[in-house]
């Protein structure tokens, strides 16, 4: 019975580590995307875009 509990603990720790790794990658990707997005409003960088209706 102890081996079953041990296997369950190892599996749970592995799944938790995998989810934390995915979360870390997602956060890193979001930070990279956010830093690459220009901070100016769209209508300043693209004059043909109207600020009100987005066309």
Protein backbone atom coordinates (compact mmCIF):
# COMPACT_ATOMS: atom_id res chain seq x y z
CA UNK A 1 0.00 0.00 0.00
CA UNK A 2 2.88 2.35 0.74
CA UNK A 3 4.14 2.01 -2.82
CA UNK A 4 0.76 3.13 -4.17
CA UNK A 5 0.77 6.18 -1.91
CA UNK A 6 4.38 6.92 -2.89
CA UNK A 7 3.53 6.66 -6.58
CA UNK A 8 0.54 8.98 -6.11
CA UNK A 9 2.71 11.54 -4.31
CA UNK A 10 5.37 11.40 -7.02
CA UNK A 11 2.72 11.78 -9.71
CA UNK A 12 1.09 14.72 -7.91
CA UNK A 13 4.43 16.49 -7.45
CA UNK A 14 5.26 15.89 -11.11
CA UNK A 15 1.94 17.29 -12.30
CA UNK A 16 2.29 20.32 -9.99
CA UNK A 17 5.81 21.00 -11.27
CA UNK A 18 4.61 20.69 -14.88
CA UNK A 19 1.74 23.13 -14.26
CA UNK A 20 4.09 25.61 -12.59
CA UNK A 21 6.45 25.34 -15.56
CA UNK A 22 3.57 26.03 -17.97
CA UNK A 23 2.42 28.97 -15.86
CA UNK A 24 5.94 30.38 -15.82
CA UNK A 25 6.23 30.07 -19.59
CA UNK A 26 2.84 31.74 -20.07
CA UNK A 27 3.82 34.64 -17.84
CA UNK A 28 7.15 35.02 -19.67
CA UNK A 29 5.38 35.02 -23.05
CA UNK A 30 2.83 37.58 -21.84
CA UNK A 31 5.57 39.85 -20.50
CA UNK A 32 7.49 39.57 -23.79
CA UNK A 33 4.35 40.33 -25.81
CA UNK A 34 3.42 43.25 -23.58
CA UNK A 35 6.88 44.78 -23.88
CA UNK A 36 6.80 44.43 -27.68
CA UNK A 37 3.43 46.19 -28.01
CA UNK A 38 3.91 49.91 -28.65
CA UNK A 39 2.66 52.03 -25.78
CA UNK A 40 1.28 54.81 -27.97
CA UNK A 41 -2.43 54.75 -28.80
CA UNK A 42 -3.22 53.13 -32.13
CA UNK A 43 -4.60 56.32 -33.65
CA UNK A 44 -1.29 58.12 -33.04
CA UNK A 45 0.80 55.49 -34.81
CA UNK A 46 -1.83 54.84 -37.51
CA UNK A 47 -3.50 58.17 -38.42
CA UNK A 48 -6.11 56.51 -40.64
CA UNK A 49 -7.54 54.72 -37.58
CA UNK A 50 -10.27 56.77 -35.94
CA UNK A 51 -9.95 56.86 -32.16
CA UNK A 52 -13.68 56.53 -31.58
CA UNK A 53 -14.94 53.75 -33.84
CA UNK A 54 -11.66 51.98 -34.59
CA UNK A 55 -12.05 52.13 -38.37
